[in-house]
PDB file of all heavy atoms in Angstrom:
ATOM      1  N   HIS A   1     122.953  39.580 133.815  1.00  0.00           N
ATOM      2  CA  HIS A   1     124.088  40.140 134.528  1.00  0.00           C
ATOM      3  C   HIS A   1     124.265  41.559 134.015  1.00  0.00           C
ATOM      4  O   HIS A   1     123.812  41.883 132.910  1.00  0.00           O
ATOM      5  CB  HIS A   1     125.340  39.281 134.258  1.00  0.00           C
ATOM      6  CG  HIS A   1     126.550  39.722 134.995  1.00  0.00           C
ATOM      7  ND1 HIS A   1     127.452  40.601 134.451  1.00  0.00           N
ATOM      8  CD2 HIS A   1     127.017  39.410 136.228  1.00  0.00           C
ATOM      9  CE1 HIS A   1     128.426  40.798 135.317  1.00  0.00           C
ATOM     10  NE2 HIS A   1     128.179  40.098 136.398  1.00  0.00           N
ATOM     11  N   GLU A   2     124.942  42.405 134.764  1.00  0.00           N
ATOM     12  CA  GLU A   2     125.096  43.802 134.346  1.00  0.00           C
ATOM     13  C   GLU A   2     125.769  43.972 132.985  1.00  0.00           C
ATOM     14  O   GLU A   2     125.503  44.942 132.283  1.00  0.00           O
ATOM     15  CB  GLU A   2     125.863  44.587 135.409  1.00  0.00           C
ATOM     16  CG  GLU A   2     127.264  44.050 135.630  1.00  0.00           C
ATOM     17  CD  GLU A   2     127.923  44.602 136.871  1.00  0.00           C
ATOM     18  OE1 GLU A   2     127.211  44.842 137.868  1.00  0.00           O
ATOM     19  OE2 GLU A   2     129.146  44.777 136.841  1.00  0.00           O
ATOM     20  N   SER A   3     126.639  43.033 132.601  1.00  0.00           N
ATOM     21  CA  SER A   3     127.328  43.185 131.314  1.00  0.00           C
ATOM     22  C   SER A   3     127.033  42.063 130.329  1.00  0.00           C
ATOM     23  O   SER A   3     127.671  41.971 129.290  1.00  0.00           O
ATOM     24  CB  SER A   3     128.845  43.277 131.534  1.00  0.00           C
ATOM     25  OG  SER A   3     129.331  42.080 132.097  1.00  0.00           O
ATOM     26  N   MET A   4     126.028  41.212 130.658  1.00  0.00           N
ATOM     27  CA  MET A   4     125.736  40.098 129.775  1.00  0.00           C
ATOM     28  C   MET A   4     124.347  39.528 130.061  1.00  0.00           C
ATOM     29  O   MET A   4     123.887  39.555 131.198  1.00  0.00           O
ATOM     30  CB  MET A   4     126.768  38.987 129.956  1.00  0.00           C
ATOM     31  CG  MET A   4     126.582  37.845 129.001  1.00  0.00           C
ATOM     32  SD  MET A   4     127.238  36.278 129.582  1.00  0.00           S
ATOM     33  CE  MET A   4     126.565  36.121 131.210  1.00  0.00           C
ATOM     34  N   MET A   5     123.728  39.009 129.003  1.00  0.00           N
ATOM     35  CA  MET A   5     122.471  38.296 129.154  1.00  0.00           C
ATOM     36  C   MET A   5     122.539  37.053 128.272  1.00  0.00           C
ATOM     37  O   MET A   5     123.094  37.078 127.182  1.00  0.00           O
ATOM     38  CB  MET A   5     121.292  39.166 128.735  1.00  0.00           C
ATOM     39  CG  MET A   5     119.955  38.492 128.969  1.00  0.00           C
ATOM     40  SD  MET A   5     118.551  39.580 128.729  1.00  0.00           S
ATOM     41  CE  MET A   5     118.641  39.892 126.985  1.00  0.00           C
ATOM     42  N   VAL A   6     121.973  35.952 128.762  1.00  0.00           N
ATOM     43  CA  VAL A   6     121.894  34.709 127.996  1.00  0.00           C
ATOM     44  C   VAL A   6     120.433  34.318 127.927  1.00  0.00           C
ATOM     45  O   VAL A   6     119.735  34.285 128.945  1.00  0.00           O
ATOM     46  CB  VAL A   6     122.714  33.573 128.655  1.00  0.00           C
ATOM     47  CG1 VAL A   6     122.588  32.283 127.848  1.00  0.00           C
ATOM     48  CG2 VAL A   6     124.173  33.971 128.816  1.00  0.00           C
ATOM     49  N   SER A   7     119.983  34.039 126.712  1.00  0.00           N
ATOM     50  CA  SER A   7     118.606  33.576 126.518  1.00  0.00           C
ATOM     51  C   SER A   7     118.642  32.423 125.527  1.00  0.00           C
ATOM     52  O   SER A   7     119.654  32.168 124.883  1.00  0.00           O
ATOM     53  CB  SER A   7     117.723  34.713 126.010  1.00  0.00           C
ATOM     54  OG  SER A   7     118.228  35.238 124.802  1.00  0.00           O
ATOM     55  N   TYR A   8     117.518  31.716 125.441  1.00  0.00           N
ATOM     56  CA  TYR A   8     117.476  30.609 124.492  1.00  0.00           C
ATOM     57  C   TYR A   8     116.084  30.453 123.908  1.00  0.00           C
ATOM     58  O   TYR A   8     115.083  30.898 124.466  1.00  0.00           O
ATOM     59  CB  TYR A   8     117.939  29.296 125.138  1.00  0.00           C
ATOM     60  CG  TYR A   8     116.876  28.583 125.940  1.00  0.00           C
ATOM     61  CD1 TYR A   8     116.144  27.541 125.386  1.00  0.00           C
ATOM     62  CD2 TYR A   8     116.588  28.959 127.249  1.00  0.00           C
ATOM     63  CE1 TYR A   8     115.159  26.885 126.112  1.00  0.00           C
ATOM     64  CE2 TYR A   8     115.616  28.313 127.983  1.00  0.00           C
ATOM     65  CZ  TYR A   8     114.903  27.281 127.414  1.00  0.00           C
ATOM     66  OH  TYR A   8     113.932  26.652 128.136  1.00  0.00           O
ATOM     67  N   THR A   9     116.067  29.795 122.778  1.00  0.00           N
ATOM     68  CA  THR A   9     114.843  29.386 122.112  1.00  0.00           C
ATOM     69  C   THR A   9     115.145  28.097 121.368  1.00  0.00           C
ATOM     70  O   THR A   9     116.316  27.772 121.160  1.00  0.00           O
ATOM     71  CB  THR A   9     114.324  30.483 121.155  1.00  0.00           C
ATOM     72  OG1 THR A   9     113.028  30.142 120.692  1.00  0.00           O
ATOM     73  CG2 THR A   9     115.252  30.676 119.981  1.00  0.00           C
ATOM     74  N   VAL A  10     114.139  27.358 120.994  1.00  0.00           N
ATOM     75  CA  VAL A  10     114.337  26.121 120.248  1.00  0.00           C
ATOM     76  C   VAL A  10     113.830  26.339 118.828  1.00  0.00           C
ATOM     77  O   VAL A  10     112.701  26.785 118.624  1.00  0.00           O
ATOM     78  CB  VAL A  10     113.624  24.930 120.920  1.00  0.00           C
ATOM     79  CG1 VAL A  10     113.774  23.667 120.087  1.00  0.00           C
ATOM     80  CG2 VAL A  10     114.172  24.719 122.334  1.00  0.00           C
ATOM     81  N   VAL A  11     114.706  26.047 117.852  1.00  0.00           N
ATOM     82  CA  VAL A  11     114.387  26.228 116.440  1.00  0.00           C
ATOM     83  C   VAL A  11     114.805  24.969 115.690  1.00  0.00           C
ATOM     84  O   VAL A  11     115.977  24.602 115.698  1.00  0.00           O
ATOM     85  CB  VAL A  11     115.128  27.449 115.850  1.00  0.00           C
ATOM     86  CG1 VAL A  11     114.836  27.603 114.368  1.00  0.00           C
ATOM     87  CG2 VAL A  11     114.797  28.720 116.614  1.00  0.00           C
ATOM     88  N   ASN A  12     113.868  24.286 115.081  1.00  0.00           N
ATOM     89  CA  ASN A  12     114.146  23.137 114.222  1.00  0.00           C
ATOM     90  C   ASN A  12     114.986  22.063 114.933  1.00  0.00           C
ATOM     91  O   ASN A  12     115.872  21.469 114.335  1.00  0.00           O
ATOM     92  CB  ASN A  12     114.812  23.591 112.922  1.00  0.00           C
ATOM     93  CG  ASN A  12     114.755  22.535 111.833  1.00  0.00           C
ATOM     94  OD1 ASN A  12     113.910  21.645 111.851  1.00  0.00           O
ATOM     95  ND2 ASN A  12     115.672  22.618 110.886  1.00  0.00           N
ATOM     96  N   GLY A  13     114.737  21.859 116.212  1.00  0.00           N
ATOM     97  CA  GLY A  13     115.465  20.846 116.967  1.00  0.00           C
ATOM     98  C   GLY A  13     116.740  21.345 117.624  1.00  0.00           C
ATOM     99  O   GLY A  13     117.384  20.621 118.375  1.00  0.00           O
ATOM    100  N   TRP A  14     117.139  22.572 117.349  1.00  0.00           N
ATOM    101  CA  TRP A  14     118.335  23.179 117.937  1.00  0.00           C
ATOM    102  C   TRP A  14     117.943  24.075 119.096  1.00  0.00           C
ATOM    103  O   TRP A  14     116.980  24.832 118.997  1.00  0.00           O
ATOM    104  CB  TRP A  14     119.071  24.035 116.903  1.00  0.00           C
ATOM    105  CG  TRP A  14     119.650  23.274 115.772  1.00  0.00           C
ATOM    106  CD1 TRP A  14     119.077  23.055 114.549  1.00  0.00           C
ATOM    107  CD2 TRP A  14     120.908  22.618 115.741  1.00  0.00           C
ATOM    108  NE1 TRP A  14     119.916  22.309 113.765  1.00  0.00           N
ATOM    109  CE2 TRP A  14     121.050  22.028 114.469  1.00  0.00           C
ATOM    110  CE3 TRP A  14     121.944  22.474 116.668  1.00  0.00           C
ATOM    111  CZ2 TRP A  14     122.177  21.302 114.102  1.00  0.00           C
ATOM    112  CZ3 TRP A  14     123.060  21.763 116.306  1.00  0.00           C
ATOM    113  CH2 TRP A  14     123.175  21.173 115.036  1.00  0.00           C
ATOM    114  N   THR A  15     118.701  24.033 120.157  1.00  0.00           N
ATOM    115  CA  THR A  15     118.548  24.995 121.243  1.00  0.00           C
ATOM    116  C   THR A  15     119.506  26.137 120.930  1.00  0.00           C
ATOM    117  O   THR A  15     120.726  25.967 120.974  1.00  0.00           O
ATOM    118  CB  THR A  15     118.890  24.362 122.601  1.00  0.00           C
ATOM    119  OG1 THR A  15     118.028  23.244 122.811  1.00  0.00           O
ATOM    120  CG2 THR A  15     118.723  25.362 123.727  1.00  0.00           C
ATOM    121  N   VAL A  16     118.932  27.265 120.550  1.00  0.00           N
ATOM    122  CA  VAL A  16     119.733  28.431 120.176  1.00  0.00           C
ATOM    123  C   VAL A  16     119.973  29.254 121.436  1.00  0.00           C
ATOM    124  O   VAL A  16     119.046  29.802 122.021  1.00  0.00           O
ATOM    125  CB  VAL A  16     119.033  29.282 119.101  1.00  0.00           C
ATOM    126  CG1 VAL A  16     119.863  30.513 118.757  1.00  0.00           C
ATOM    127  CG2 VAL A  16     118.750  28.442 117.867  1.00  0.00           C
ATOM    128  N   VAL A  17     121.235  29.314 121.852  1.00  0.00           N
ATOM    129  CA  VAL A  17     121.624  30.070 123.031  1.00  0.00           C
ATOM    130  C   VAL A  17     122.227  31.377 122.548  1.00  0.00           C
ATOM    131  O   VAL A  17     123.285  31.385 121.919  1.00  0.00           O
ATOM    132  CB  VAL A  17     122.640  29.283 123.894  1.00  0.00           C
ATOM    133  CG1 VAL A  17     123.102  30.122 125.075  1.00  0.00           C
ATOM    134  CG2 VAL A  17     122.028  27.969 124.367  1.00  0.00           C
ATOM    135  N   GLU A  18     121.526  32.465 122.819  1.00  0.00           N
ATOM    136  CA  GLU A  18     121.984  33.789 122.400  1.00  0.00           C
ATOM    137  C   GLU A  18     122.681  34.465 123.576  1.00  0.00           C
ATOM    138  O   GLU A  18     122.116  34.579 124.657  1.00  0.00           O
ATOM    139  CB  GLU A  18     120.806  34.641 121.950  1.00  0.00           C
ATOM    140  CG  GLU A  18     121.210  36.014 121.463  1.00  0.00           C
ATOM    141  CD  GLU A  18     120.009  36.823 121.043  1.00  0.00           C
ATOM    142  OE1 GLU A  18     119.493  36.570 119.925  1.00  0.00           O
ATOM    143  OE2 GLU A  18     119.575  37.691 121.828  1.00  0.00           O
ATOM    144  N   ILE A  19     123.909  34.875 123.324  1.00  0.00           N
ATOM    145  CA  ILE A  19     124.686  35.566 124.341  1.00  0.00           C
ATOM    146  C   ILE A  19     124.799  37.020 123.909  1.00  0.00           C
ATOM    147  O   ILE A  19     125.202  37.315 122.788  1.00  0.00           O
ATOM    148  CB  ILE A  19     126.083  34.936 124.496  1.00  0.00           C
ATOM    149  CG1 ILE A  19     125.945  33.447 124.836  1.00  0.00           C
ATOM    150  CG2 ILE A  19     126.888  35.671 125.564  1.00  0.00           C
ATOM    151  CD1 ILE A  19     127.234  32.675 124.754  1.00  0.00           C
ATOM    152  N   ASP A  20     124.442  37.919 124.803  1.00  0.00           N
ATOM    153  CA  ASP A  20     124.439  39.346 124.517  1.00  0.00           C
ATOM    154  C   ASP A  20     125.314  40.046 125.547  1.00  0.00           C
ATOM    155  O   ASP A  20     124.986  40.072 126.730  1.00  0.00           O
ATOM    156  CB  ASP A  20     123.006  39.869 124.581  1.00  0.00           C
ATOM    157  CG  ASP A  20     122.877  41.315 124.146  1.00  0.00           C
ATOM    158  OD1 ASP A  20     123.904  41.990 123.931  1.00  0.00           O
ATOM    159  OD2 ASP A  20     121.724  41.783 124.032  1.00  0.00           O
ATOM    160  N   GLY A  21     126.478  40.548 125.096  1.00  0.00           N
ATOM    161  CA  GLY A  21     127.372  41.264 126.005  1.00  0.00           C
ATOM    162  C   GLY A  21     128.758  40.658 126.030  1.00  0.00           C
ATOM    163  O   GLY A  21     129.194  40.021 125.073  1.00  0.00           O
ATOM    164  N   ASP A  22     129.439  40.855 127.141  1.00  0.00           N
ATOM    165  CA  ASP A  22     130.816  40.393 127.297  1.00  0.00           C
ATOM    166  C   ASP A  22     130.871  38.960 127.819  1.00  0.00           C
ATOM    167  O   ASP A  22     130.122  38.605 128.737  1.00  0.00           O
ATOM    168  CB  ASP A  22     131.566  41.281 128.304  1.00  0.00           C
ATOM    169  CG  ASP A  22     131.677  42.721 127.855  1.00  0.00           C
ATOM    170  OD1 ASP A  22     131.451  42.992 126.662  1.00  0.00           O
ATOM    171  OD2 ASP A  22     131.992  43.574 128.700  1.00  0.00           O
ATOM    172  N   VAL A  23     131.779  38.164 127.255  1.00  0.00           N
ATOM    173  CA  VAL A  23     132.045  36.818 127.762  1.00  0.00           C
ATOM    174  C   VAL A  23     133.508  36.833 128.188  1.00  0.00           C
ATOM    175  O   VAL A  23     134.411  36.716 127.380  1.00  0.00           O
ATOM    176  CB  VAL A  23     131.781  35.728 126.704  1.00  0.00           C
ATOM    177  CG1 VAL A  23     131.973  34.344 127.317  1.00  0.00           C
ATOM    178  CG2 VAL A  23     130.379  35.858 126.128  1.00  0.00           C
ATOM    179  N   ASP A  24     133.702  37.015 129.482  1.00  0.00           N
ATOM    180  CA  ASP A  24     135.048  37.190 130.013  1.00  0.00           C
ATOM    181  C   ASP A  24     135.179  36.489 131.365  1.00  0.00           C
ATOM    182  O   ASP A  24     134.317  35.690 131.726  1.00  0.00           O
ATOM    183  CB  ASP A  24     135.388  38.678 130.125  1.00  0.00           C
ATOM    184  CG  ASP A  24     134.392  39.467 130.978  1.00  0.00           C
ATOM    185  OD1 ASP A  24     133.655  38.866 131.790  1.00  0.00           O
ATOM    186  OD2 ASP A  24     134.355  40.700 130.829  1.00  0.00           O
ATOM    187  N   ALA A  25     136.235  36.803 132.081  1.00  0.00           N
ATOM    188  CA  ALA A  25     136.502  36.142 133.362  1.00  0.00           C
ATOM    189  C   ALA A  25     135.344  36.306 134.347  1.00  0.00           C
ATOM    190  O   ALA A  25     135.097  35.414 135.162  1.00  0.00           O
ATOM    191  CB  ALA A  25     137.794  36.687 133.970  1.00  0.00           C
ATOM    192  N   ARG A  26     134.612  37.407 134.266  1.00  0.00           N
ATOM    193  CA  ARG A  26     133.494  37.623 135.199  1.00  0.00           C
ATOM    194  C   ARG A  26     132.231  36.874 134.804  1.00  0.00           C
ATOM    195  O   ARG A  26     131.418  36.523 135.654  1.00  0.00           O
ATOM    196  CB  ARG A  26     133.153  39.107 135.300  1.00  0.00           C
ATOM    197  CG  ARG A  26     134.224  39.931 135.953  1.00  0.00           C
ATOM    198  CD  ARG A  26     133.861  41.407 136.022  1.00  0.00           C
ATOM    199  NE  ARG A  26     133.476  41.898 134.697  1.00  0.00           N
ATOM    200  CZ  ARG A  26     132.428  42.690 134.465  1.00  0.00           C
ATOM    201  NH1 ARG A  26     131.669  43.091 135.440  1.00  0.00           N
ATOM    202  NH2 ARG A  26     132.153  43.077 133.239  1.00  0.00           N
ATOM    203  N   THR A  27     132.034  36.630 133.513  1.00  0.00           N
ATOM    204  CA  THR A  27     130.748  36.097 133.055  1.00  0.00           C
ATOM    205  C   THR A  27     130.812  34.690 132.454  1.00  0.00           C
ATOM    206  O   THR A  27     129.776  34.054 132.292  1.00  0.00           O
ATOM    207  CB  THR A  27     130.132  37.033 132.005  1.00  0.00           C
ATOM    208  OG1 THR A  27     131.025  37.124 130.882  1.00  0.00           O
ATOM    209  CG2 THR A  27     129.874  38.421 132.583  1.00  0.00           C
ATOM    210  N   ALA A  28     132.005  34.214 132.120  1.00  0.00           N
ATOM    211  CA  ALA A  28     132.128  32.929 131.426  1.00  0.00           C
ATOM    212  C   ALA A  28     131.477  31.788 132.203  1.00  0.00           C
ATOM    213  O   ALA A  28     130.798  30.938 131.624  1.00  0.00           O
ATOM    214  CB  ALA A  28     133.596  32.619 131.139  1.00  0.00           C
ATOM    215  N   SER A  29     131.677  31.762 133.508  1.00  0.00           N
ATOM    216  CA  SER A  29     131.095  30.667 134.301  1.00  0.00           C
ATOM    217  C   SER A  29     129.568  30.698 134.263  1.00  0.00           C
ATOM    218  O   SER A  29     128.925  29.653 134.320  1.00  0.00           O
ATOM    219  CB  SER A  29     131.596  30.713 135.743  1.00  0.00           C
ATOM    220  OG  SER A  29     131.172  31.903 136.376  1.00  0.00           O
ATOM    221  N   MET A  30     128.978  31.879 134.132  1.00  0.00           N
ATOM    222  CA  MET A  30     127.517  31.979 134.046  1.00  0.00           C
ATOM    223  C   MET A  30     127.012  31.368 132.740  1.00  0.00           C
ATOM    224  O   MET A  30     125.963  30.718 132.723  1.00  0.00           O
ATOM    225  CB  MET A  30     127.077  33.433 134.161  1.00  0.00           C
ATOM    226  CG  MET A  30     127.270  34.011 135.549  1.00  0.00           C
ATOM    227  SD  MET A  30     126.690  35.706 135.616  1.00  0.00           S
ATOM    228  CE  MET A  30     128.259  36.560 135.653  1.00  0.00           C
ATOM    229  N   VAL A  31     127.752  31.586 131.657  1.00  0.00           N
ATOM    230  CA  VAL A  31     127.385  30.984 130.373  1.00  0.00           C
ATOM    231  C   VAL A  31     127.461  29.466 130.493  1.00  0.00           C
ATOM    232  O   VAL A  31     126.550  28.746 130.079  1.00  0.00           O
ATOM    233  CB  VAL A  31     128.306  31.501 129.242  1.00  0.00           C
ATOM    234  CG1 VAL A  31     128.035  30.742 127.949  1.00  0.00           C
ATOM    235  CG2 VAL A  31     128.128  32.994 129.042  1.00  0.00           C
ATOM    236  N   ARG A  32     128.557  28.988 131.062  1.00  0.00           N
ATOM    237  CA  ARG A  32     128.750  27.537 131.238  1.00  0.00           C
ATOM    238  C   ARG A  32     127.606  26.934 132.060  1.00  0.00           C
ATOM    239  O   ARG A  32     127.020  25.922 131.679  1.00  0.00           O
ATOM    240  CB  ARG A  32     130.088  27.276 131.917  1.00  0.00           C
ATOM    241  CG  ARG A  32     130.401  25.823 132.100  1.00  0.00           C
ATOM    242  CD  ARG A  32     131.778  25.656 132.795  1.00  0.00           C
ATOM    243  NE  ARG A  32     131.967  24.311 133.247  1.00  0.00           N
ATOM    244  CZ  ARG A  32     131.480  23.810 134.384  1.00  0.00           C
ATOM    245  NH1 ARG A  32     130.784  24.562 135.198  1.00  0.00           N
ATOM    246  NH2 ARG A  32     131.696  22.555 134.709  1.00  0.00           N
ATOM    247  N   GLU A  33     127.277  27.539 133.177  1.00  0.00           N
ATOM    248  CA  GLU A  33     126.214  27.031 134.041  1.00  0.00           C
ATOM    249  C   GLU A  33     124.862  27.047 133.337  1.00  0.00           C
ATOM    250  O   GLU A  33     124.052  26.129 133.512  1.00  0.00           O
ATOM    251  CB  GLU A  33     126.163  27.835 135.334  1.00  0.00           C
ATOM    252  CG  GLU A  33     127.368  27.581 136.228  1.00  0.00           C
ATOM    253  CD  GLU A  33     127.476  28.562 137.380  1.00  0.00           C
ATOM    254  OE1 GLU A  33     126.474  29.256 137.682  1.00  0.00           O
ATOM    255  OE2 GLU A  33     128.568  28.623 137.977  1.00  0.00           O
ATOM    256  N   ALA A  34     124.610  28.071 132.525  1.00  0.00           N
ATOM    257  CA  ALA A  34     123.342  28.152 131.795  1.00  0.00           C
ATOM    258  C   ALA A  34     123.211  27.003 130.802  1.00  0.00           C
ATOM    259  O   ALA A  34     122.151  26.358 130.716  1.00  0.00           O
ATOM    260  CB  ALA A  34     123.245  29.494 131.069  1.00  0.00           C
ATOM    261  N   VAL A  35     124.288  26.718 130.071  1.00  0.00           N
ATOM    262  CA  VAL A  35     124.232  25.627 129.094  1.00  0.00           C
ATOM    263  C   VAL A  35     124.138  24.281 129.804  1.00  0.00           C
ATOM    264  O   VAL A  35     123.372  23.404 129.384  1.00  0.00           O
ATOM    265  CB  VAL A  35     125.438  25.680 128.129  1.00  0.00           C
ATOM    266  CG1 VAL A  35     125.477  24.449 127.237  1.00  0.00           C
ATOM    267  CG2 VAL A  35     125.368  26.951 127.281  1.00  0.00           C
ATOM    268  N   ILE A  36     124.857  24.109 130.898  1.00  0.00           N
ATOM    269  CA  ILE A  36     124.763  22.852 131.662  1.00  0.00           C
ATOM    270  C   ILE A  36     123.338  22.645 132.163  1.00  0.00           C
ATOM    271  O   ILE A  36     122.810  21.526 132.104  1.00  0.00           O
ATOM    272  CB  ILE A  36     125.779  22.844 132.820  1.00  0.00           C
ATOM    273  CG1 ILE A  36     127.192  22.674 132.260  1.00  0.00           C
ATOM    274  CG2 ILE A  36     125.459  21.735 133.823  1.00  0.00           C
ATOM    275  CD1 ILE A  36     128.291  22.862 133.292  1.00  0.00           C
ATOM    276  N   LYS A  37     122.699  23.705 132.598  1.00  0.00           N
ATOM    277  CA  LYS A  37     121.304  23.594 133.045  1.00  0.00           C
ATOM    278  C   LYS A  37     120.411  23.119 131.899  1.00  0.00           C
ATOM    279  O   LYS A  37     119.556  22.252 132.084  1.00  0.00           O
ATOM    280  CB  LYS A  37     120.813  24.943 133.577  1.00  0.00           C
ATOM    281  CG  LYS A  37     119.384  24.915 134.042  1.00  0.00           C
ATOM    282  CD  LYS A  37     118.938  26.267 134.552  1.00  0.00           C
ATOM    283  CE  LYS A  37     117.486  26.156 134.978  1.00  0.00           C
ATOM    284  NZ  LYS A  37     116.810  27.420 135.037  1.00  0.00           N
TER     285      LYS A  37
END
């Protein structure tokens, strides 16, 4: 997204979700949908 990026990797059994940027009213639902996926 223009003000945020979400990426992930798996480390030692953990799914590490890295959020880069703003987590606000415009982007929060995108973070939620990414983790649900």
